Protein backbone atom coordinates (compact mmCIF):
# COMPACT_ATOMS: atom_id res chain seq x y z
CA MET A 1 108.12 146.43 94.25
CA ALA A 2 110.04 149.97 95.86
CA SER A 3 112.84 151.39 95.42
CA VAL A 4 114.97 152.64 98.29
CA PRO A 5 118.09 154.74 97.42
CA ASP A 6 120.54 154.54 99.68
CA GLN A 7 122.78 157.20 98.39
CA PRO A 8 121.86 161.13 97.74
CA ALA A 9 120.35 162.12 94.54
CA SER A 10 123.73 163.18 92.77
CA GLU A 11 126.02 160.89 91.45
CA PRO A 12 129.84 161.44 92.81
CA ALA A 13 132.11 163.27 91.04
CA PRO A 14 134.77 160.74 89.15
CA LEU A 15 137.87 160.21 90.75
CA THR A 16 141.21 161.52 89.60
CA GLY A 17 144.78 161.02 90.26
CA ALA A 18 146.46 158.76 92.26
CA LYS A 19 142.95 157.57 93.99
CA LEU A 20 142.06 156.56 90.68
CA LEU A 21 144.82 154.92 89.56
CA LEU A 22 144.73 152.83 92.71
CA ALA A 23 140.93 152.27 92.79
CA ALA A 24 140.70 151.64 89.28
CA PHE A 25 143.82 148.67 89.71
CA SER A 26 142.22 147.33 92.51
CA LEU A 27 139.10 146.39 90.63
CA ALA A 28 141.02 145.06 87.89
CA LEU A 29 142.91 143.07 90.11
CA ALA A 30 140.25 141.78 91.34
CA ASN A 31 138.43 140.86 87.98
CA PHE A 32 141.79 139.19 87.19
CA VAL A 33 142.45 136.31 90.65
CA VAL A 34 138.97 135.56 89.24
CA VAL A 35 139.56 134.86 85.54
CA LEU A 36 143.08 133.61 86.48
CA ASP A 37 141.45 130.80 88.57
CA THR A 38 139.76 129.69 85.14
CA THR A 39 143.28 128.60 84.18
CA ILE A 40 145.38 128.13 87.01
CA ALA A 41 144.62 124.71 87.94
CA ASN A 42 144.46 123.24 84.19
CA VAL A 43 148.19 122.27 84.24
CA SER A 44 147.93 121.47 87.87
CA VAL A 45 145.63 118.15 87.46
CA PRO A 46 147.77 115.75 87.42
CA HIS A 47 148.89 117.15 90.73
CA ILE A 48 145.96 117.70 92.16
CA ALA A 49 144.98 114.24 90.99
CA GLY A 50 147.62 112.81 92.72
CA GLY A 51 147.44 114.72 95.94
CA LEU A 52 144.16 113.13 96.46
CA ALA A 53 144.31 109.63 95.04
CA VAL A 54 142.40 110.03 91.91
CA SER A 55 142.17 109.54 88.39
CA PRO A 56 143.42 112.92 86.31
CA THR A 57 140.06 112.59 84.22
CA GLN A 58 138.21 113.06 87.78
CA GLY A 59 140.58 115.95 88.79
CA THR A 60 139.36 118.01 85.77
CA TRP A 61 136.02 118.02 87.68
CA VAL A 62 138.69 121.22 89.78
CA ILE A 63 138.12 123.07 86.72
CA THR A 64 135.01 122.41 85.34
CA SER A 65 132.92 122.48 88.46
CA TYR A 66 134.35 126.20 88.86
CA ALA A 67 133.33 127.34 85.52
CA VAL A 68 130.03 125.94 85.91
CA ALA A 69 129.36 127.38 89.14
CA ASP A 70 130.55 131.22 87.64
CA ALA A 71 128.52 131.01 84.96
CA ILE A 72 125.29 129.93 87.10
CA SER A 73 126.14 133.57 89.35
CA VAL A 74 126.73 135.71 86.33
CA PRO A 75 123.51 135.63 85.23
CA LEU A 76 122.50 136.62 88.92
CA THR A 77 124.66 139.67 88.96
CA GLY A 78 121.93 142.05 87.90
CA TRP A 79 119.31 140.96 90.02
CA LEU A 80 122.27 140.88 93.12
CA SER A 81 123.29 144.35 92.64
CA SER A 82 120.14 145.63 92.23
CA ARG A 83 119.13 143.97 95.22
CA PHE A 84 121.87 144.47 97.27
CA GLY A 85 123.76 147.10 95.95
CA SER A 86 126.71 146.70 93.14
CA VAL A 87 129.59 147.88 95.92
CA ARG A 88 128.36 146.03 98.68
CA TRP A 89 128.12 142.58 96.50
CA PHE A 90 131.65 143.66 95.29
CA ILE A 91 133.02 143.30 98.75
CA ILE A 92 130.87 140.05 99.41
CA SER A 93 131.95 137.83 96.40
CA LEU A 94 135.48 139.19 97.36
CA CYS A 95 134.85 138.17 100.48
CA GLY A 96 133.49 135.09 99.87
CA PHE A 97 136.12 134.16 97.24
CA ALA A 98 139.20 134.91 99.92
CA VAL A 99 137.40 132.44 102.35
CA PHE A 100 136.78 129.79 99.77
CA SER A 101 139.88 129.99 98.05
CA PHE A 102 141.49 129.19 101.25
CA LEU A 103 138.93 126.03 101.89
CA CYS A 104 140.05 124.85 98.70
CA GLY A 105 143.54 124.60 99.84
CA VAL A 106 142.85 122.76 103.12
CA SER A 107 140.58 120.28 101.08
CA GLY A 108 141.93 116.35 102.06
CA THR A 109 139.30 114.93 99.41
CA LEU A 110 138.20 115.80 96.07
CA GLY A 111 134.45 115.96 97.42
CA MET A 112 135.70 118.67 99.74
CA LEU A 113 137.89 120.18 96.66
CA VAL A 114 134.60 120.14 94.55
CA THR A 115 132.56 121.93 97.08
CA PHE A 116 134.39 124.41 97.66
CA ARG A 117 135.41 125.25 94.15
CA ILE A 118 131.88 125.36 93.34
CA LEU A 119 131.50 128.08 96.23
CA GLN A 120 134.33 129.26 94.91
CA GLY A 121 133.23 129.96 91.69
CA LEU A 122 129.54 131.00 93.28
CA SER A 123 131.55 133.70 94.85
CA GLY A 124 133.61 135.14 92.00
CA GLY A 125 131.57 135.33 89.40
CA PRO A 126 130.40 138.89 89.69
CA LEU A 127 133.10 139.69 90.36
CA MET A 128 133.65 140.04 86.60
CA PRO A 129 130.95 142.60 85.46
CA LEU A 130 130.60 144.01 88.86
CA SER A 131 134.67 145.29 88.14
CA GLN A 132 133.49 146.58 84.97
CA THR A 133 130.49 148.00 85.83
CA LEU A 134 132.30 150.10 88.68
CA LEU A 135 135.74 150.82 86.69
CA LEU A 136 132.91 152.98 84.32
CA ARG A 137 131.53 154.73 87.72
CA ILE A 138 134.91 155.81 88.91
CA PHE A 139 136.47 156.87 85.57
CA PRO A 140 135.35 160.52 83.93
CA LYS A 141 133.01 160.10 80.91
CA ASN A 142 135.86 161.23 78.84
CA LYS A 143 138.28 158.77 79.91
CA ALA A 144 135.56 155.60 79.86
CA ALA A 145 137.41 153.90 77.44
CA LEU A 146 140.31 154.00 79.30
CA GLY A 147 138.75 151.80 82.27
CA LEU A 148 137.68 149.37 79.92
CA GLY A 149 140.90 148.85 78.08
CA ILE A 150 142.20 147.97 82.05
CA TRP A 151 139.14 145.58 82.21
CA ALA A 152 139.81 143.87 78.58
CA MET A 153 143.73 143.79 79.50
CA THR A 154 142.96 142.26 83.14
CA THR A 155 140.51 139.61 81.19
CA THR A 156 143.28 138.39 78.23
CA SER A 157 146.09 138.48 80.39
CA ALA A 158 144.65 136.37 83.13
CA PRO A 159 144.74 133.36 81.00
CA ILE A 160 148.18 133.59 80.10
CA VAL A 161 149.49 133.96 83.81
CA GLY A 162 147.70 131.46 84.80
CA PRO A 163 149.46 128.16 83.44
CA ILE A 164 152.38 129.84 83.90
CA LEU A 165 151.51 129.96 87.30
CA GLY A 166 150.26 127.10 88.03
CA GLY A 167 152.98 125.05 86.80
CA LEU A 168 155.23 127.05 88.60
CA ILE A 169 153.45 126.56 91.98
CA SER A 170 153.09 123.03 91.47
CA ASP A 171 156.63 121.65 90.79
CA ASN A 172 158.01 124.37 93.27
CA TRP A 173 155.74 124.26 96.13
CA SER A 174 152.67 122.35 96.37
CA TRP A 175 149.12 122.73 94.41
CA PRO A 176 146.90 123.79 97.39
CA TRP A 177 149.08 127.54 96.88
CA ILE A 178 147.08 127.93 93.41
CA PHE A 179 144.51 128.45 95.90
CA PHE A 180 146.30 130.44 98.65
CA ILE A 181 148.24 132.76 96.58
CA ASN A 182 144.92 133.82 96.15
CA LEU A 183 144.49 135.53 99.70
CA PRO A 184 146.91 138.40 99.38
CA VAL A 185 145.61 139.52 96.17
CA VAL A 186 141.63 139.35 97.69
CA ALA A 187 142.73 141.13 100.45
CA LEU A 188 144.22 144.06 98.91
CA CYS A 189 140.92 144.57 96.88
CA ILE A 190 138.80 144.63 99.74
CA PHE A 191 140.97 146.91 101.36
CA ALA A 192 141.47 149.34 98.45
CA VAL A 193 137.47 148.88 97.43
CA SER A 194 136.36 149.59 100.75
CA ARG A 195 138.40 153.06 101.31
CA LEU A 196 137.73 154.26 98.16
CA ILE A 197 134.74 152.96 96.41
CA VAL A 198 132.01 153.04 98.46
CA PRO A 199 130.65 156.41 97.77
CA TYR A 200 129.70 155.16 94.19
CA GLU A 201 127.31 152.63 96.09
CA THR A 202 124.27 151.75 93.18
CA THR A 203 120.74 152.21 94.20
CA VAL A 204 119.05 149.62 95.91
CA VAL A 205 115.62 148.08 94.66
CA LYS A 206 113.58 145.82 97.37
CA ARG A 207 113.58 143.33 94.77
CA ARG A 208 111.10 139.68 95.97
CA ILE A 209 113.79 136.75 95.80
CA ASP A 210 112.81 134.44 92.83
CA LEU A 211 113.34 131.10 94.65
CA GLY A 212 111.40 128.91 92.47
CA GLY A 213 113.74 130.39 89.29
CA LEU A 214 116.41 130.16 91.66
CA ALA A 215 116.09 126.59 92.66
CA LEU A 216 115.25 125.61 89.42
CA LEU A 217 118.50 127.05 87.96
CA VAL A 218 120.50 125.46 90.49
CA LEU A 219 118.78 121.81 89.76
CA PHE A 220 119.12 122.09 86.40
CA VAL A 221 122.62 123.06 86.17
CA ALA A 222 124.06 120.94 88.90
CA ALA A 223 122.41 117.89 87.59
CA PHE A 224 123.80 118.41 83.79
CA GLN A 225 127.30 119.19 85.38
CA ILE A 226 126.98 115.62 87.18
CA MET A 227 125.96 113.81 84.16
CA LEU A 228 129.24 115.86 82.29
CA ASP A 229 131.70 114.79 85.26
CA THR A 230 130.62 110.66 86.15
CA GLY A 231 129.14 110.08 82.44
CA ARG A 232 132.70 108.50 81.19
CA GLU A 233 133.10 106.68 84.36
CA ASN A 234 129.84 105.14 84.45
CA ASP A 235 129.43 104.21 80.91
CA TRP A 236 127.17 106.97 80.16
CA PHE A 237 123.55 106.33 78.93
CA GLY A 238 123.96 102.67 79.74
CA SER A 239 124.17 103.37 83.35
CA PRO A 240 120.64 104.13 85.23
CA TYR A 241 122.58 106.82 87.56
CA ILE A 242 123.11 108.94 84.27
CA VAL A 243 120.23 108.46 82.66
CA VAL A 244 118.20 110.05 85.75
CA LEU A 245 120.69 112.77 86.37
CA ALA A 246 119.90 113.66 82.11
CA ILE A 247 115.68 113.07 83.04
CA VAL A 248 116.58 115.85 85.87
CA ALA A 249 118.54 117.95 83.77
CA VAL A 250 115.62 118.14 81.06
CA VAL A 251 112.87 118.32 83.24
CA GLY A 252 114.75 120.83 85.28
CA LEU A 253 115.50 122.89 82.32
CA ALA A 254 112.44 122.63 80.89
CA ALA A 255 110.72 123.91 84.13
CA PHE A 256 112.64 126.54 84.82
CA VAL A 257 112.37 128.37 81.04
CA ILE A 258 108.01 127.74 81.65
CA TRP A 259 108.44 129.55 85.06
CA GLU A 260 111.44 132.61 83.83
CA LEU A 261 108.42 133.21 80.93
CA THR A 262 105.62 133.34 83.09
CA THR A 263 106.83 135.15 86.47
CA ASP A 264 106.22 138.84 86.56
CA ASP A 265 110.14 139.40 88.12
CA PRO A 266 112.36 136.98 86.69
CA ILE A 267 115.88 136.09 88.14
CA VAL A 268 117.04 135.35 84.65
CA ASP A 269 115.43 137.68 81.73
CA ILE A 270 115.71 134.52 79.21
CA ARG A 271 112.80 136.62 77.05
CA ILE A 272 115.79 138.25 75.63
CA PHE A 273 116.33 134.93 73.24
CA ARG A 274 114.11 136.29 71.33
CA HIS A 275 116.87 138.81 69.59
CA ARG A 276 117.45 136.75 66.35
CA GLY A 277 121.20 138.45 66.67
CA PHE A 278 121.34 137.54 70.45
CA THR A 279 120.41 134.37 70.09
CA ALA A 280 122.57 133.38 66.93
CA GLY A 281 125.62 135.37 68.51
CA THR A 282 125.23 133.11 71.87
CA LEU A 283 125.18 129.90 69.79
CA SER A 284 128.15 130.66 68.14
CA ILE A 285 130.25 131.53 70.79
CA SER A 286 129.21 129.27 73.05
CA LEU A 287 129.86 126.04 70.16
CA ALA A 288 133.43 127.86 69.66
CA TYR A 289 133.90 128.37 73.30
CA GLY A 290 133.38 124.97 74.37
CA ALA A 291 135.78 123.41 71.28
CA PHE A 292 138.67 126.15 72.55
CA PHE A 293 137.69 125.31 76.30
CA ALA A 294 138.21 121.88 75.33
CA SER A 295 141.88 122.43 74.12
CA VAL A 296 142.48 124.14 76.73
CA VAL A 297 141.79 121.44 79.40
CA LEU A 298 143.07 118.40 77.34
CA MET A 299 146.53 119.76 76.38
CA PRO A 300 148.27 120.05 79.56
CA LEU A 301 147.30 116.84 80.28
CA TRP A 302 148.70 115.19 77.11
CA LEU A 303 151.56 116.59 77.73
CA GLN A 304 152.65 115.89 81.13
CA GLN A 305 151.11 112.30 80.68
CA ILE A 306 152.30 111.29 77.22
CA VAL A 307 155.10 113.59 75.91
CA GLY A 308 156.87 113.99 79.59
CA TYR A 309 156.34 117.51 80.17
CA THR A 310 156.68 119.14 83.90
CA ALA A 311 153.79 121.21 84.71
CA THR A 312 155.96 124.29 84.32
CA ASP A 313 156.87 123.59 80.91
CA SER A 314 153.12 122.54 80.14
CA GLY A 315 152.13 125.83 81.32
CA TYR A 316 154.82 127.95 78.90
CA THR A 317 153.78 125.64 76.23
CA VAL A 318 149.72 126.06 76.61
CA ALA A 319 150.23 130.11 77.86
CA TRP A 320 151.19 131.34 74.43
CA VAL A 321 147.75 131.68 73.08
CA GLY A 322 146.87 134.51 75.09
CA VAL A 323 150.28 136.69 73.94
CA PHE A 324 148.26 137.99 70.72
CA ALA A 325 144.91 138.08 72.47
CA VAL A 326 146.35 140.84 74.77
CA ILE A 327 148.14 142.82 72.01
CA LEU A 328 145.50 142.69 69.68
CA SER A 329 142.30 143.49 71.85
CA PRO A 330 142.26 147.06 71.56
CA PHE A 331 142.45 146.93 67.65
CA ALA A 332 139.75 144.51 67.90
CA ALA A 333 137.47 146.53 69.40
CA ARG A 334 138.11 149.75 67.58
CA LEU A 335 136.41 147.88 64.90
CA ILE A 336 132.90 148.08 66.42
CA GLY A 337 130.62 150.43 64.29
CA LYS A 338 133.31 150.62 61.72
CA VAL A 339 133.14 147.59 59.86
CA ASP A 340 130.92 144.16 59.42
CA LEU A 341 131.49 142.62 62.53
CA ARG A 342 130.14 139.16 60.53
CA TYR A 343 133.18 139.18 58.21
CA THR A 344 136.01 139.36 61.14
CA VAL A 345 134.34 136.94 63.28
CA CYS A 346 133.75 134.40 60.62
CA ALA A 347 137.71 134.77 59.65
CA ALA A 348 138.68 134.49 63.51
CA ILE A 349 136.46 131.04 63.57
CA LEU A 350 137.73 129.70 60.37
CA TRP A 351 141.26 130.78 61.45
CA MET A 352 140.97 129.13 64.93
CA ALA A 353 139.72 125.82 63.15
CA GLY A 354 142.80 126.23 60.96
CA VAL A 355 144.86 125.92 64.41
CA SER A 356 143.33 122.94 65.12
CA LEU A 357 144.15 121.58 61.91
CA MET A 358 148.25 122.19 62.28
CA ARG A 359 147.65 120.09 66.32
CA ALA A 360 146.43 117.58 64.03
CA GLY A 361 149.96 117.30 62.62
CA TRP A 362 151.38 116.78 65.64
CA THR A 363 153.53 113.28 67.22
CA SER A 364 154.68 112.46 70.29
CA SER A 365 157.89 113.52 69.83
CA ALA A 366 156.89 117.18 68.63
CA ASP A 367 159.47 119.52 70.07
CA TYR A 368 159.02 122.29 72.01
CA TRP A 369 158.09 124.95 69.32
CA THR A 370 155.98 122.44 67.06
CA LEU A 371 153.89 122.71 70.00
CA SER A 372 153.92 126.29 70.96
CA LEU A 373 153.39 127.52 67.61
CA PRO A 374 149.76 126.74 67.04
CA GLN A 375 148.98 128.49 70.39
CA LEU A 376 150.73 131.34 69.72
CA VAL A 377 149.04 132.03 66.44
CA GLN A 378 145.49 131.20 67.69
CA GLY A 379 145.27 133.88 69.51
CA ILE A 380 145.62 136.36 66.57
CA GLY A 381 141.88 135.35 65.90
CA MET A 382 140.91 134.98 69.75
CA PRO A 383 140.06 138.94 70.15
CA PHE A 384 138.38 139.11 67.03
CA PHE A 385 136.51 136.30 68.25
CA PHE A 386 135.31 137.05 71.70
CA ILE A 387 134.98 140.77 71.43
CA GLY A 388 133.04 140.75 67.79
CA LEU A 389 130.59 137.89 68.93
CA THR A 390 130.22 139.72 71.97
CA SER A 391 129.40 143.08 70.26
CA ILE A 392 126.84 141.18 67.54
CA ALA A 393 124.85 139.32 70.55
CA LEU A 394 124.92 143.15 72.43
CA SER A 395 124.18 145.06 69.63
CA SER A 396 120.92 143.43 68.91
CA VAL A 397 118.92 143.90 72.61
CA ARG A 398 117.99 146.73 74.04
CA PRO A 399 120.07 149.23 76.13
CA ASN A 400 118.01 148.03 79.33
CA GLU A 401 118.72 144.38 78.63
CA THR A 402 122.74 144.33 77.90
CA VAL A 403 123.31 143.74 81.66
CA SER A 404 120.81 140.13 81.69
CA ALA A 405 121.97 139.56 77.93
CA ALA A 406 125.80 139.74 79.06
CA GLY A 407 125.14 137.37 81.87
CA LEU A 408 123.47 135.12 79.51
CA MET A 409 126.12 135.17 77.35
CA SER A 410 128.47 134.27 79.73
CA PHE A 411 126.31 131.83 81.19
CA THR A 412 126.07 129.58 78.24
CA ARG A 413 129.82 130.04 77.10
CA THR A 414 131.23 129.17 80.23
CA LEU A 415 128.17 126.25 80.58
CA SER A 416 129.94 124.95 76.90
CA GLY A 417 133.36 124.72 78.07
CA ALA A 418 131.67 122.64 80.67
CA VAL A 419 130.02 120.60 78.15
CA GLY A 420 133.10 120.61 75.53
CA THR A 421 135.32 119.39 78.22
CA ALA A 422 133.20 116.32 79.01
CA LEU A 423 132.74 115.00 75.37
CA ALA A 424 136.30 116.15 74.41
CA THR A 425 137.23 114.10 77.76
CA THR A 426 135.43 111.23 76.34
CA ALA A 427 136.15 111.20 72.81
CA TRP A 428 140.18 111.20 73.82
CA ASP A 429 139.55 107.98 75.93
CA ASN A 430 137.38 106.31 73.35
CA ALA A 431 139.84 107.14 70.70
CA SER A 432 142.98 105.96 72.32
CA ARG A 433 141.27 102.89 72.63
CA ALA A 434 140.02 102.20 69.16
CA SER A 435 143.41 103.18 68.18
CA ARG A 436 145.37 100.73 70.42
CA ALA A 437 143.57 98.20 69.30
CA ASP A 438 144.43 98.76 65.86
CA LEU A 439 148.24 99.09 66.62
CA VAL A 440 148.34 96.19 68.49
CA PRO A 441 147.83 93.84 65.54
CA MET A 442 150.48 95.99 63.28
CA LEU A 443 153.33 95.85 65.88
CA ASN A 444 156.37 94.54 63.92
CA ASN A 445 157.72 91.46 65.41
CA PRO A 446 157.27 92.33 69.31
CA GLY A 447 158.77 89.50 70.25
CA ALA A 448 161.97 90.71 69.15
CA THR A 449 161.79 93.95 70.47
CA ILE A 450 160.88 92.31 73.97
CA SER A 451 164.37 90.07 73.80
CA THR A 452 165.94 93.21 72.22
CA LEU A 453 164.79 95.08 75.65
CA GLN A 454 165.86 92.24 77.62
CA GLN A 455 169.27 92.04 76.22
CA ALA A 456 169.64 96.00 77.17
CA GLY A 457 169.49 94.61 80.91
CA MET A 458 165.58 95.02 81.20
CA SER A 459 163.47 92.11 82.79
CA LEU A 460 160.68 90.17 80.97
CA GLU A 461 157.85 92.47 82.48
CA GLN A 462 159.98 95.38 82.41
CA ALA A 463 160.42 94.93 78.39
CA ARG A 464 156.56 94.40 77.79
CA ALA A 465 155.76 97.07 80.11
CA THR A 466 157.90 99.53 77.49
CA LEU A 467 156.65 97.96 74.86
CA ASP A 468 152.79 98.70 76.31
CA ARG A 469 153.76 102.34 77.21
CA LEU A 470 155.27 102.83 73.31
CA VAL A 471 151.94 101.42 72.28
CA GLU A 472 149.83 103.75 74.45
CA VAL A 473 152.06 106.81 73.57
CA GLN A 474 151.23 106.37 70.37
CA ALA A 475 147.29 105.96 70.70
CA SER A 476 146.67 108.54 73.28
CA THR A 477 148.35 110.65 70.85
CA LEU A 478 146.16 109.78 67.79
CA GLY A 479 143.54 109.87 69.80
CA MET A 480 144.15 113.62 70.89
CA ILE A 481 144.66 114.38 67.35
CA GLN A 482 141.10 112.90 66.31
CA VAL A 483 139.65 115.73 69.31
CA PHE A 484 141.82 118.52 67.28
CA LEU A 485 140.05 117.44 64.28
CA ILE A 486 136.32 117.11 65.60
CA ALA A 487 137.45 120.52 67.42
CA GLY A 488 137.65 122.21 63.53
CA GLY A 489 134.54 121.18 62.18
CA ALA A 490 133.16 122.47 65.80
CA PHE A 491 134.83 126.06 64.71
CA VAL A 492 133.77 125.26 61.10
CA LEU A 493 130.05 125.10 61.86
CA SER A 494 130.18 128.21 64.18
CA ALA A 495 131.68 130.51 61.81
CA ILE A 496 128.65 129.60 59.54
CA LEU A 497 126.22 130.51 62.95
CA VAL A 498 127.48 133.81 62.42
CA TRP A 499 125.99 134.48 59.22
CA LEU A 500 122.17 134.06 61.23
CA ALA A 501 122.64 137.21 63.24
CA PRO A 502 121.62 140.84 61.22
CA ARG A 503 124.69 143.19 60.90
CA ALA A 504 125.41 144.94 63.97
CA THR A 505 124.29 148.55 63.98
CA ASN A 506 123.46 149.91 67.69
CA THR A 507 126.70 149.66 69.37
CA THR A 508 126.65 151.99 71.86
CA ASN A 509 125.75 149.67 74.59
CA VAL A 510 128.27 147.20 74.13
CA PRO A 511 130.76 146.54 76.67
CA THR A 512 134.32 146.43 74.71
CA GLY A 513 136.30 142.90 75.67
CA HIS A 514 133.52 141.60 77.52
């Protein structure tokens, strides 16, 4: 391969004053809007499903399709930025994100929306690591921690704003505006980046395109994602269609691993998994994140379908999870290199397991603060969990492997979120059906209840529907409690996996907050 530098050998001077403030704001805002889109649709799923005439379960494809597409593009960021330049690819990604955000908003079918959400995720994925890289380039070396702090704050605050903003937009406007709102924000970012940050372009290296690796990556991830999204409605492995998808996913993954291990210039460097600390940290964070993200997706559905919350109220309930995450992130970052992070990470994950047990005590008649309190206290453990595990994993790799390692970790974590959502949705449905079957024989004189409802002015059909709804509410609540208990078990297993990693020692190449 040949290296072709597109800029002078000397690095441009860091920005200062108002220019630094505006440039840092635009980069942080770009990162914010991409992370925002991972949660803004969560509380809007029932509105989207109703608008497109599909089931709420199918509506969750809008979330998982974006998450997995985002995951695919993140490990490719290192290759893309070296091939085209960090600033150039950042602007290209911003433009793509804006275009596909608009197309998501004008989609008239679920197929169109999911397609454009995939393309939106592919465009947005590189913005997260690239915004971090460019922040470090524009800040003076002695203020690098400030740049990382800004990046970390936007990463942790966006999930708070997402559910609230999604609820307000869905209830007061219409669901397409959760995508249209990106357009003015991205336009501002493109203007500022193109005016201020172009001089900080990185060296372009003419690398061949690993088309085989890229094709296999897309093939196995796409087959796996479609299997997850359609498995429940097709009776999982009782369907030949799902079996074929599973075979394609497994064979595609095996072929991808073999290809990337044997090619000279892999598009994804999976050799990084040879480091025990990285492997253990990635397994732990993926398992815990899958349990966490599943609850983030399912809770708004349960609140709106069963408890009767609006999308706005649901957003305000779920969003409490980010309060302490923002407040404690700087403190969690300062612990790197000072304590054995395995202790703090293990404690944080067990804390999140305890929160799952708190949720297991919920009822369909629980008040707002009973539902919100577990969300609030869960945020205490999140920064120690995310930042600590990232540090453990990335401190185990060589400095020149950090970018690839961070991308791989993000890929497996995000893919685990999609897996967790699919499994939790299926578990909730199955547990709800089982609970309903157990509850119906236990009804105390349903005939008398129907008679009482008829005496209150209901017709026979209305009375039966009311009684059926009561049973459905209790069965769905019991099913959700079982999902919370399973999630608690996943957190405990994740806490155990942390101890497979050696103590983190080399923390100089760890991007704080990622």
